[in-house]
């Protein structure tokens, strides 16, 4: 699939709930969209974040890197809600036991 098409399948929106930013990501997170996911997750300056990936259909190594950057940024104040596809990628990469990953 070409990158232009992948971009059309991606969205990352944020909403602030008290001291937490909630980022909802849909579509494909790859090298052309991973930075946008990170930027959306950090631009509101809140001390905690929930990254909702339940509508993500594709997640590559660039997406993993962006997620690890978010984990570094928020520490134990990060919660990630994975789709089955994202959970499988994190499982394969050895990250499925991270404390920020929600079942």
Protein backbone atom coordinates (compact mmCIF):
# COMPACT_ATOMS: atom_id res chain seq x y z
CA UNK A 1 0.00 0.00 0.00
CA UNK A 2 1.40 3.43 -0.87
CA UNK A 3 2.09 6.01 1.81
CA UNK A 4 -0.46 8.50 0.48
CA UNK A 5 -3.20 5.94 0.84
CA UNK A 6 -1.98 5.03 4.34
CA UNK A 7 -2.15 8.69 5.41
CA UNK A 8 -5.78 8.84 4.35
CA UNK A 9 -6.54 5.94 6.72
CA UNK A 10 -4.96 7.58 9.77
CA UNK A 11 -6.39 9.96 12.35
CA UNK A 12 -5.16 10.99 15.79
CA UNK A 13 -7.42 13.23 17.84
CA UNK A 14 -7.10 14.39 21.42
CA UNK A 15 -9.46 15.43 24.17
CA UNK A 16 -8.53 16.68 27.62
CA UNK A 17 -10.18 15.08 30.63
CA UNK A 18 -9.00 16.82 33.82
CA UNK A 19 -5.24 16.24 34.03
CA UNK A 20 -5.18 13.56 31.30
CA UNK A 21 -5.09 13.78 27.52
CA UNK A 22 -7.00 11.03 25.73
CA UNK A 23 -5.70 10.36 22.24
CA UNK A 24 -7.85 8.30 19.89
CA UNK A 25 -5.95 6.83 16.96
CA UNK A 26 -7.55 5.12 13.97
CA UNK A 27 -6.23 3.43 10.87
CA UNK A 28 -2.61 2.69 10.11
CA UNK A 29 0.28 3.86 12.28
CA UNK A 30 3.52 3.61 10.32
CA UNK A 31 6.60 5.65 9.48
CA UNK A 32 4.48 8.34 7.83
CA UNK A 33 2.05 8.74 10.74
CA UNK A 34 3.85 7.67 13.93
CA UNK A 35 5.22 11.15 14.65
CA UNK A 36 1.72 12.59 14.38
CA UNK A 37 0.53 10.09 17.00
CA UNK A 38 3.38 11.16 19.32
CA UNK A 39 2.79 14.87 18.74
CA UNK A 40 -0.94 14.54 19.36
CA UNK A 41 -0.16 12.72 22.59
CA UNK A 42 2.19 15.36 23.94
CA UNK A 43 1.03 18.75 22.68
CA UNK A 44 -1.58 19.46 25.38
CA UNK A 45 1.00 19.47 28.18
CA UNK A 46 -0.99 17.24 30.52
CA UNK A 47 0.85 15.05 33.06
CA UNK A 48 -0.99 11.84 32.07
CA UNK A 49 -2.23 10.21 28.86
CA UNK A 50 -4.44 7.47 27.54
CA UNK A 51 -3.63 6.33 24.02
CA UNK A 52 -6.62 4.54 22.55
CA UNK A 53 -5.40 2.29 19.73
CA UNK A 54 -8.49 0.06 19.58
CA UNK A 55 -9.30 1.24 16.04
CA UNK A 56 -5.75 0.79 14.71
CA UNK A 57 -5.46 -1.76 11.90
CA UNK A 58 -1.69 -1.61 11.26
CA UNK A 59 1.20 -0.88 13.64
CA UNK A 60 4.84 -1.06 12.56
CA UNK A 61 8.27 -0.49 14.11
CA UNK A 62 7.99 3.30 13.74
CA UNK A 63 4.71 3.11 15.67
CA UNK A 64 6.40 1.04 18.39
CA UNK A 65 9.15 3.65 18.62
CA UNK A 66 6.59 6.47 18.97
CA UNK A 67 4.77 4.48 21.65
CA UNK A 68 8.02 3.94 23.57
CA UNK A 69 8.70 7.68 23.35
CA UNK A 70 5.24 8.29 24.85
CA UNK A 71 6.03 5.78 27.62
CA UNK A 72 9.29 7.60 28.33
CA UNK A 73 7.50 10.96 28.33
CA UNK A 74 4.64 9.92 30.67
CA UNK A 75 6.21 7.12 32.72
CA UNK A 76 3.66 5.40 34.94
CA UNK A 77 1.00 7.95 33.93
CA UNK A 78 0.48 6.32 30.52
CA UNK A 79 -2.30 3.90 29.63
CA UNK A 80 -2.47 2.24 26.21
CA UNK A 81 -5.64 0.54 24.97
CA UNK A 82 -4.58 -1.76 22.09
CA UNK A 83 -6.50 -3.26 19.21
CA UNK A 84 -5.95 -7.00 18.68
CA UNK A 85 -3.49 -6.15 15.87
CA UNK A 86 -1.52 -3.74 18.07
CA UNK A 87 -1.51 -6.21 20.95
CA UNK A 88 -0.09 -8.91 18.66
CA UNK A 89 2.69 -6.61 17.42
CA UNK A 90 3.58 -5.67 21.00
CA UNK A 91 3.50 -9.34 21.96
CA UNK A 92 5.89 -10.28 19.14
CA UNK A 93 8.20 -7.39 20.05
CA UNK A 94 8.32 -8.41 23.73
CA UNK A 95 6.34 -5.41 25.00
CA UNK A 96 3.07 -7.10 25.97
CA UNK A 97 3.93 -7.09 29.68
CA UNK A 98 4.57 -3.37 29.95
CA UNK A 99 2.66 -1.76 32.84
CA UNK A 100 1.17 0.89 30.53
CA UNK A 101 -0.53 -1.74 28.33
CA UNK A 102 -4.15 -2.33 29.30
CA UNK A 103 -6.03 -5.55 28.66
